[in-house]
N, C-alpha and C. Protein backbone atom coordinates (compact mmCIF):
# COMPACT_ATOMS: atom_id res chain seq x y z
N UNK A 1 0.85 -1.18 0.00
CA UNK A 1 0.00 0.00 0.00
C UNK A 1 0.89 1.25 0.00
N UNK A 2 0.54 2.22 -0.80
CA UNK A 2 1.32 3.44 -0.91
C UNK A 2 1.04 4.37 0.26
N UNK A 3 2.09 5.06 0.68
CA UNK A 3 1.94 6.10 1.70
C UNK A 3 1.51 7.38 1.02
N UNK A 4 0.94 8.29 1.81
CA UNK A 4 0.48 9.56 1.24
C UNK A 4 1.61 10.34 0.59
N UNK A 5 2.81 10.27 1.16
CA UNK A 5 3.95 10.97 0.57
C UNK A 5 4.26 10.48 -0.83
N UNK A 6 4.15 9.16 -1.04
CA UNK A 6 4.38 8.60 -2.38
C UNK A 6 3.30 9.06 -3.35
N UNK A 7 2.06 9.03 -2.89
CA UNK A 7 0.95 9.49 -3.73
C UNK A 7 1.13 10.96 -4.10
N UNK A 8 1.53 11.74 -3.09
CA UNK A 8 1.73 13.17 -3.31
C UNK A 8 2.85 13.40 -4.33
N UNK A 9 3.93 12.65 -4.22
CA UNK A 9 5.03 12.78 -5.18
C UNK A 9 4.55 12.44 -6.58
N UNK A 10 3.77 11.40 -6.73
CA UNK A 10 3.21 11.05 -8.04
C UNK A 10 2.33 12.19 -8.57
N UNK A 11 1.54 12.77 -7.68
CA UNK A 11 0.68 13.89 -8.07
C UNK A 11 1.53 15.08 -8.54
N UNK A 12 2.57 15.41 -7.79
CA UNK A 12 3.45 16.53 -8.16
C UNK A 12 4.08 16.28 -9.52
N UNK A 13 4.58 15.08 -9.76
CA UNK A 13 5.20 14.77 -11.05
C UNK A 13 4.19 14.87 -12.19
N UNK A 14 2.96 14.44 -11.93
CA UNK A 14 1.92 14.53 -12.96
C UNK A 14 1.54 16.00 -13.22
N UNK A 15 1.51 16.81 -12.16
CA UNK A 15 1.23 18.25 -12.33
C UNK A 15 2.34 18.90 -13.15
N UNK A 16 3.60 18.54 -12.89
CA UNK A 16 4.72 19.08 -13.69
C UNK A 16 4.55 18.72 -15.16
N UNK A 17 4.21 17.46 -15.40
CA UNK A 17 4.02 17.01 -16.79
C UNK A 17 2.86 17.77 -17.44
N UNK A 18 1.74 17.86 -16.71
CA UNK A 18 0.58 18.56 -17.24
C UNK A 18 0.88 20.04 -17.47
N UNK A 19 1.64 20.65 -16.58
CA UNK A 19 2.02 22.05 -16.76
C UNK A 19 2.74 22.25 -18.09
N UNK A 20 3.69 21.39 -18.39
CA UNK A 20 4.40 21.49 -19.66
C UNK A 20 3.48 21.33 -20.85
N UNK A 21 2.56 20.38 -20.76
CA UNK A 21 1.61 20.16 -21.85
C UNK A 21 0.66 21.36 -22.02
N UNK A 22 0.21 21.92 -20.90
CA UNK A 22 -0.69 23.07 -20.97
C UNK A 22 0.02 24.31 -21.51
N UNK A 23 1.29 24.48 -21.13
CA UNK A 23 2.06 25.61 -21.68
C UNK A 23 2.22 25.47 -23.19
N UNK A 24 2.45 24.25 -23.64
CA UNK A 24 2.57 24.01 -25.09
C UNK A 24 1.25 24.31 -25.79
N UNK A 25 0.14 23.91 -25.19
CA UNK A 25 -1.18 24.22 -25.76
C UNK A 25 -1.41 25.73 -25.76
N UNK A 26 -1.04 26.38 -24.68
CA UNK A 26 -1.18 27.84 -24.61
C UNK A 26 -0.34 28.53 -25.67
N UNK A 27 0.88 28.05 -25.86
CA UNK A 27 1.75 28.62 -26.91
C UNK A 27 1.12 28.43 -28.28
N UNK A 28 0.52 27.26 -28.49
CA UNK A 28 -0.12 26.98 -29.78
C UNK A 28 -1.30 27.93 -30.03
N UNK A 29 -2.15 28.09 -29.02
CA UNK A 29 -3.32 28.95 -29.16
C UNK A 29 -2.89 30.42 -29.30
N UNK A 30 -2.00 30.86 -28.43
CA UNK A 30 -1.58 32.27 -28.43
C UNK A 30 -0.65 32.60 -29.58
N UNK A 31 -0.01 31.59 -30.14
CA UNK A 31 0.93 31.81 -31.23
C UNK A 31 0.31 32.48 -32.43
N UNK A 32 -0.97 32.25 -32.64
CA UNK A 32 -1.70 32.88 -33.74
C UNK A 32 -1.66 34.41 -33.61
N UNK A 33 -1.50 34.89 -32.37
CA UNK A 33 -1.46 36.34 -32.10
C UNK A 33 -0.03 36.80 -31.80
N UNK A 34 0.93 35.96 -32.13
CA UNK A 34 2.35 36.22 -31.89
C UNK A 34 2.64 36.44 -30.40
N UNK A 35 1.95 35.65 -29.57
CA UNK A 35 2.16 35.67 -28.13
C UNK A 35 2.60 34.29 -27.67
N UNK A 36 3.19 34.24 -26.50
CA UNK A 36 3.53 32.98 -25.83
C UNK A 36 2.57 32.80 -24.66
N UNK A 37 2.62 31.64 -24.03
CA UNK A 37 1.82 31.41 -22.83
C UNK A 37 2.15 32.43 -21.76
N UNK A 38 3.43 32.73 -21.60
CA UNK A 38 3.86 33.70 -20.57
C UNK A 38 3.25 35.07 -20.84
N UNK A 39 3.27 35.50 -22.09
CA UNK A 39 2.68 36.80 -22.43
C UNK A 39 1.16 36.78 -22.26
N UNK A 40 0.56 35.66 -22.62
CA UNK A 40 -0.89 35.52 -22.46
C UNK A 40 -1.26 35.64 -20.98
N UNK A 41 -0.45 35.04 -20.10
CA UNK A 41 -0.74 35.11 -18.67
C UNK A 41 -0.68 36.55 -18.17
N UNK A 42 0.30 37.32 -18.63
CA UNK A 42 0.39 38.72 -18.22
C UNK A 42 -0.82 39.49 -18.75
N UNK A 43 -1.15 39.29 -20.01
CA UNK A 43 -2.31 39.93 -20.62
C UNK A 43 -3.57 39.57 -19.83
N UNK A 44 -3.74 38.30 -19.53
CA UNK A 44 -4.91 37.83 -18.80
C UNK A 44 -4.99 38.36 -17.39
N UNK A 45 -3.86 38.48 -16.71
CA UNK A 45 -3.86 39.01 -15.34
C UNK A 45 -4.45 40.40 -15.30
N UNK A 46 -4.01 41.25 -16.22
CA UNK A 46 -4.52 42.63 -16.25
C UNK A 46 -5.97 42.65 -16.71
N UNK A 47 -6.30 41.87 -17.73
CA UNK A 47 -7.67 41.85 -18.26
C UNK A 47 -8.66 41.35 -17.20
N UNK A 48 -8.32 40.28 -16.52
CA UNK A 48 -9.22 39.69 -15.53
C UNK A 48 -9.40 40.62 -14.33
N UNK A 49 -8.32 41.34 -13.96
CA UNK A 49 -8.42 42.24 -12.80
C UNK A 49 -9.38 43.40 -13.09
N UNK A 50 -9.51 43.77 -14.37
CA UNK A 50 -10.39 44.86 -14.74
C UNK A 50 -9.86 46.24 -14.41
N UNK A 51 -8.58 46.31 -14.05
CA UNK A 51 -7.97 47.60 -13.72
C UNK A 51 -6.48 47.54 -14.03
N UNK A 52 -5.83 48.68 -14.17
CA UNK A 52 -4.38 48.67 -14.36
C UNK A 52 -3.70 48.05 -13.14
N UNK A 53 -2.56 47.40 -13.37
CA UNK A 53 -1.84 46.72 -12.29
C UNK A 53 -0.36 47.05 -12.35
N UNK A 54 0.31 46.97 -11.20
CA UNK A 54 1.76 47.08 -11.18
C UNK A 54 2.36 45.73 -11.57
N UNK A 55 3.62 45.77 -11.96
CA UNK A 55 4.32 44.53 -12.30
C UNK A 55 4.37 43.60 -11.09
N UNK A 56 4.59 44.16 -9.91
CA UNK A 56 4.63 43.33 -8.70
C UNK A 56 3.29 42.65 -8.45
N UNK A 57 2.19 43.36 -8.66
CA UNK A 57 0.86 42.76 -8.49
C UNK A 57 0.65 41.62 -9.48
N UNK A 58 1.06 41.83 -10.72
CA UNK A 58 0.92 40.78 -11.73
C UNK A 58 1.76 39.57 -11.33
N UNK A 59 2.99 39.81 -10.89
CA UNK A 59 3.86 38.72 -10.46
C UNK A 59 3.26 37.91 -9.34
N UNK A 60 2.71 38.59 -8.34
CA UNK A 60 2.06 37.87 -7.23
C UNK A 60 0.87 37.07 -7.73
N UNK A 61 0.06 37.65 -8.60
CA UNK A 61 -1.11 36.97 -9.15
C UNK A 61 -0.71 35.72 -9.92
N UNK A 62 0.39 35.80 -10.66
CA UNK A 62 0.84 34.69 -11.50
C UNK A 62 1.77 33.72 -10.77
N UNK A 63 2.27 34.11 -9.60
CA UNK A 63 3.27 33.29 -8.92
C UNK A 63 4.61 33.33 -9.62
N UNK A 64 4.94 34.49 -10.19
CA UNK A 64 6.18 34.67 -10.96
C UNK A 64 7.02 35.77 -10.34
N UNK A 65 8.31 35.73 -10.63
CA UNK A 65 9.22 36.78 -10.16
C UNK A 65 8.90 38.09 -10.87
N UNK A 66 8.98 39.18 -10.11
CA UNK A 66 8.71 40.50 -10.67
C UNK A 66 9.59 40.80 -11.87
N UNK A 67 10.85 40.36 -11.82
CA UNK A 67 11.79 40.66 -12.90
C UNK A 67 11.36 40.03 -14.22
N UNK A 68 10.88 38.80 -14.18
CA UNK A 68 10.46 38.15 -15.42
C UNK A 68 9.19 38.80 -15.97
N UNK A 69 8.30 39.20 -15.08
CA UNK A 69 7.08 39.90 -15.51
C UNK A 69 7.45 41.27 -16.09
N UNK A 70 8.43 41.93 -15.49
CA UNK A 70 8.85 43.25 -15.98
C UNK A 70 9.33 43.17 -17.42
N UNK A 71 10.14 42.17 -17.72
CA UNK A 71 10.66 42.01 -19.08
C UNK A 71 9.52 41.81 -20.07
N UNK A 72 8.59 40.93 -19.73
CA UNK A 72 7.45 40.65 -20.60
C UNK A 72 6.57 41.89 -20.75
N UNK A 73 6.32 42.59 -19.65
CA UNK A 73 5.49 43.79 -19.69
C UNK A 73 6.11 44.85 -20.59
N UNK A 74 7.42 45.04 -20.48
CA UNK A 74 8.10 46.02 -21.34
C UNK A 74 7.94 45.66 -22.82
N UNK A 75 8.15 44.38 -23.13
CA UNK A 75 8.03 43.93 -24.53
C UNK A 75 6.61 44.11 -25.04
N UNK A 76 5.63 43.78 -24.20
CA UNK A 76 4.24 43.88 -24.63
C UNK A 76 3.79 45.33 -24.76
N UNK A 77 4.33 46.21 -23.93
CA UNK A 77 4.02 47.64 -24.07
C UNK A 77 4.59 48.15 -25.40
N UNK A 78 5.80 47.72 -25.73
CA UNK A 78 6.41 48.11 -27.01
C UNK A 78 5.60 47.60 -28.19
N UNK A 79 4.95 46.45 -28.02
CA UNK A 79 4.15 45.85 -29.09
C UNK A 79 2.71 46.37 -29.14
N UNK A 80 2.36 47.26 -28.21
CA UNK A 80 1.05 47.91 -28.25
C UNK A 80 -0.07 47.24 -27.48
N UNK A 81 0.24 46.25 -26.64
CA UNK A 81 -0.79 45.58 -25.85
C UNK A 81 -1.13 46.35 -24.57
N UNK A 82 -0.15 47.11 -24.08
CA UNK A 82 -0.29 47.87 -22.83
C UNK A 82 0.28 49.27 -23.01
N UNK A 83 -0.15 50.15 -22.12
CA UNK A 83 0.52 51.44 -21.94
C UNK A 83 0.90 51.53 -20.46
N UNK A 84 1.86 52.37 -20.17
CA UNK A 84 2.26 52.63 -18.79
C UNK A 84 1.58 53.91 -18.33
N UNK A 85 1.09 53.91 -17.10
CA UNK A 85 0.54 55.15 -16.54
C UNK A 85 1.02 55.32 -15.12
N UNK A 86 1.02 56.58 -14.67
CA UNK A 86 1.47 56.88 -13.32
C UNK A 86 0.57 56.20 -12.29
N UNK A 87 1.19 55.81 -11.20
CA UNK A 87 0.49 55.18 -10.10
C UNK A 87 0.37 56.21 -8.98
N UNK A 88 -0.84 56.66 -8.67
CA UNK A 88 -0.99 57.67 -7.62
C UNK A 88 -0.59 57.17 -6.23
N UNK A 89 -0.57 55.84 -6.03
CA UNK A 89 -0.22 55.26 -4.73
C UNK A 89 1.28 55.09 -4.54
N UNK A 90 2.02 54.98 -5.66
CA UNK A 90 3.46 54.72 -5.57
C UNK A 90 4.12 55.23 -6.86
N UNK A 91 4.82 56.32 -6.76
CA UNK A 91 5.42 56.94 -7.94
C UNK A 91 6.47 56.05 -8.60
N UNK A 92 7.04 55.11 -7.85
CA UNK A 92 8.08 54.23 -8.41
C UNK A 92 7.50 53.05 -9.18
N UNK A 93 6.27 52.67 -8.89
CA UNK A 93 5.66 51.48 -9.49
C UNK A 93 4.59 51.90 -10.49
N UNK A 94 4.97 51.98 -11.74
CA UNK A 94 4.02 52.37 -12.79
C UNK A 94 2.93 51.30 -12.93
N UNK A 95 1.79 51.72 -13.47
CA UNK A 95 0.67 50.81 -13.71
C UNK A 95 0.64 50.40 -15.18
N UNK A 96 0.38 49.13 -15.40
CA UNK A 96 0.25 48.59 -16.75
C UNK A 96 -1.24 48.57 -17.10
N UNK A 97 -1.59 49.24 -18.20
CA UNK A 97 -3.00 49.37 -18.60
C UNK A 97 -3.19 48.77 -19.98
N UNK A 98 -4.27 48.00 -20.14
CA UNK A 98 -4.59 47.42 -21.45
C UNK A 98 -4.91 48.50 -22.47
N UNK A 99 -4.43 48.32 -23.69
CA UNK A 99 -4.82 49.18 -24.81
C UNK A 99 -6.01 48.53 -25.51
N UNK A 100 -6.53 49.22 -26.51
CA UNK A 100 -7.61 48.64 -27.32
C UNK A 100 -7.14 47.34 -27.96
N UNK A 101 -5.89 47.33 -28.44
CA UNK A 101 -5.33 46.11 -29.04
C UNK A 101 -5.28 44.99 -28.00
N UNK A 102 -4.80 45.29 -26.80
CA UNK A 102 -4.72 44.29 -25.74
C UNK A 102 -6.08 43.72 -25.39
N UNK A 103 -7.09 44.59 -25.29
CA UNK A 103 -8.45 44.14 -24.98
C UNK A 103 -8.99 43.25 -26.09
N UNK A 104 -8.78 43.66 -27.34
CA UNK A 104 -9.28 42.90 -28.48
C UNK A 104 -8.65 41.52 -28.54
N UNK A 105 -7.33 41.47 -28.42
CA UNK A 105 -6.63 40.18 -28.49
C UNK A 105 -7.03 39.30 -27.31
N UNK A 106 -7.17 39.87 -26.11
CA UNK A 106 -7.58 39.06 -24.97
C UNK A 106 -8.97 38.47 -25.19
N UNK A 107 -9.90 39.24 -25.70
CA UNK A 107 -11.26 38.72 -25.96
C UNK A 107 -11.22 37.58 -26.97
N UNK A 108 -10.38 37.70 -28.00
CA UNK A 108 -10.26 36.63 -29.00
C UNK A 108 -9.64 35.38 -28.36
N UNK A 109 -8.60 35.57 -27.56
CA UNK A 109 -7.98 34.43 -26.88
C UNK A 109 -8.94 33.78 -25.90
N UNK A 110 -9.71 34.59 -25.21
CA UNK A 110 -10.68 34.07 -24.25
C UNK A 110 -11.70 33.17 -24.95
N UNK A 111 -12.17 33.59 -26.11
CA UNK A 111 -13.14 32.79 -26.88
C UNK A 111 -12.50 31.49 -27.35
N UNK A 112 -11.27 31.56 -27.85
CA UNK A 112 -10.59 30.34 -28.31
C UNK A 112 -10.30 29.40 -27.15
N UNK A 113 -9.90 29.96 -26.00
CA UNK A 113 -9.62 29.13 -24.84
C UNK A 113 -10.88 28.44 -24.35
N UNK A 114 -12.01 29.13 -24.37
CA UNK A 114 -13.28 28.53 -23.93
C UNK A 114 -13.64 27.34 -24.82
N UNK A 115 -13.48 27.49 -26.11
CA UNK A 115 -13.77 26.39 -27.04
C UNK A 115 -12.80 25.23 -26.79
N UNK A 116 -11.52 25.54 -26.63
CA UNK A 116 -10.51 24.52 -26.35
C UNK A 116 -10.84 23.79 -25.05
N UNK A 117 -11.21 24.55 -23.99
CA UNK A 117 -11.52 23.95 -22.69
C UNK A 117 -12.73 23.03 -22.77
N UNK A 118 -13.75 23.44 -23.50
CA UNK A 118 -14.93 22.59 -23.66
C UNK A 118 -14.58 21.29 -24.36
N UNK A 119 -13.75 21.37 -25.38
CA UNK A 119 -13.32 20.16 -26.10
C UNK A 119 -12.44 19.29 -25.20
N UNK A 120 -11.51 19.91 -24.48
CA UNK A 120 -10.59 19.15 -23.62
C UNK A 120 -11.33 18.44 -22.49
N UNK A 121 -12.38 19.07 -21.98
CA UNK A 121 -13.12 18.51 -20.84
C UNK A 121 -14.28 17.62 -21.25
N UNK A 122 -14.51 17.47 -22.54
CA UNK A 122 -15.71 16.76 -23.00
C UNK A 122 -15.78 15.31 -22.52
N UNK A 123 -14.66 14.65 -22.30
CA UNK A 123 -14.69 13.26 -21.87
C UNK A 123 -14.52 13.08 -20.38
N UNK A 124 -14.52 14.16 -19.63
CA UNK A 124 -14.30 14.08 -18.19
C UNK A 124 -15.60 14.35 -17.43
N UNK A 125 -15.95 13.47 -16.49
CA UNK A 125 -17.16 13.69 -15.71
C UNK A 125 -17.02 14.95 -14.83
N UNK A 126 -18.08 15.75 -14.73
CA UNK A 126 -18.02 16.97 -13.92
C UNK A 126 -17.58 16.74 -12.48
N UNK A 127 -18.00 15.63 -11.86
CA UNK A 127 -17.62 15.39 -10.47
C UNK A 127 -16.12 15.15 -10.33
N UNK A 128 -15.49 14.54 -11.34
CA UNK A 128 -14.03 14.35 -11.30
C UNK A 128 -13.31 15.69 -11.46
N UNK A 129 -13.82 16.53 -12.35
CA UNK A 129 -13.23 17.87 -12.50
C UNK A 129 -13.36 18.66 -11.20
N UNK A 130 -14.53 18.59 -10.56
CA UNK A 130 -14.74 19.29 -9.30
C UNK A 130 -13.78 18.79 -8.22
N UNK A 131 -13.59 17.46 -8.15
CA UNK A 131 -12.68 16.88 -7.15
C UNK A 131 -11.24 17.31 -7.40
N UNK A 132 -10.82 17.28 -8.67
CA UNK A 132 -9.45 17.69 -9.01
C UNK A 132 -9.23 19.16 -8.65
N UNK A 133 -10.20 19.99 -8.97
CA UNK A 133 -10.10 21.42 -8.67
C UNK A 133 -10.01 21.65 -7.16
N UNK A 134 -10.81 20.92 -6.41
CA UNK A 134 -10.81 21.04 -4.95
C UNK A 134 -9.44 20.70 -4.38
N UNK A 135 -8.85 19.62 -4.84
CA UNK A 135 -7.53 19.20 -4.35
C UNK A 135 -6.47 20.23 -4.73
N UNK A 136 -6.48 20.68 -5.97
CA UNK A 136 -5.48 21.66 -6.41
C UNK A 136 -5.60 22.97 -5.64
N UNK A 137 -6.81 23.40 -5.37
CA UNK A 137 -7.01 24.63 -4.59
C UNK A 137 -6.51 24.47 -3.16
N UNK A 138 -6.76 23.30 -2.57
CA UNK A 138 -6.28 23.06 -1.21
C UNK A 138 -4.76 23.07 -1.17
N UNK A 139 -4.13 22.47 -2.16
CA UNK A 139 -2.67 22.48 -2.21
C UNK A 139 -2.13 23.89 -2.43
N UNK A 140 -2.79 24.66 -3.29
CA UNK A 140 -2.37 26.05 -3.49
C UNK A 140 -2.47 26.83 -2.19
N UNK A 141 -3.56 26.64 -1.46
CA UNK A 141 -3.72 27.31 -0.17
C UNK A 141 -2.64 26.87 0.82
N UNK A 142 -2.35 25.57 0.82
CA UNK A 142 -1.35 25.03 1.74
C UNK A 142 0.03 25.62 1.49
N UNK A 143 0.36 25.87 0.23
CA UNK A 143 1.68 26.38 -0.10
C UNK A 143 1.70 27.90 -0.24
N UNK A 144 0.56 28.53 0.08
CA UNK A 144 0.56 29.97 0.24
C UNK A 144 0.30 30.83 -0.98
N UNK A 145 -0.32 30.28 -2.03
CA UNK A 145 -0.62 31.14 -3.18
C UNK A 145 -2.10 31.32 -3.36
């Protein structure tokens, strides 16, 4: 009989594998818009928040280092997805704001992702999806994100 630690290790390894596969799928979907999964995540963080965000806020939301988000944010601002605006709360931390292009591309990606998700989940029973989500959320809470 397996101990919980062994089961947990198997789960972690499967999550790592799935993460790689999901990133590849994200790259495939976002590639049509000349974006990567990483850029899509930054775009989505700001779009979902519904307000301009600092790079540090985006990093915390994504579980990423501020420096890596900063590089992506700079590149995406240069490409017209975002603009920088002053932050009245902190003059040192500029706010990243979606442009019309950023909003348009995010809406298109959101529609494609919804179709992809429906197809990907079509063979999975809803109760299994609910159970998996519950476990993943508990683990995220346990590790502090």
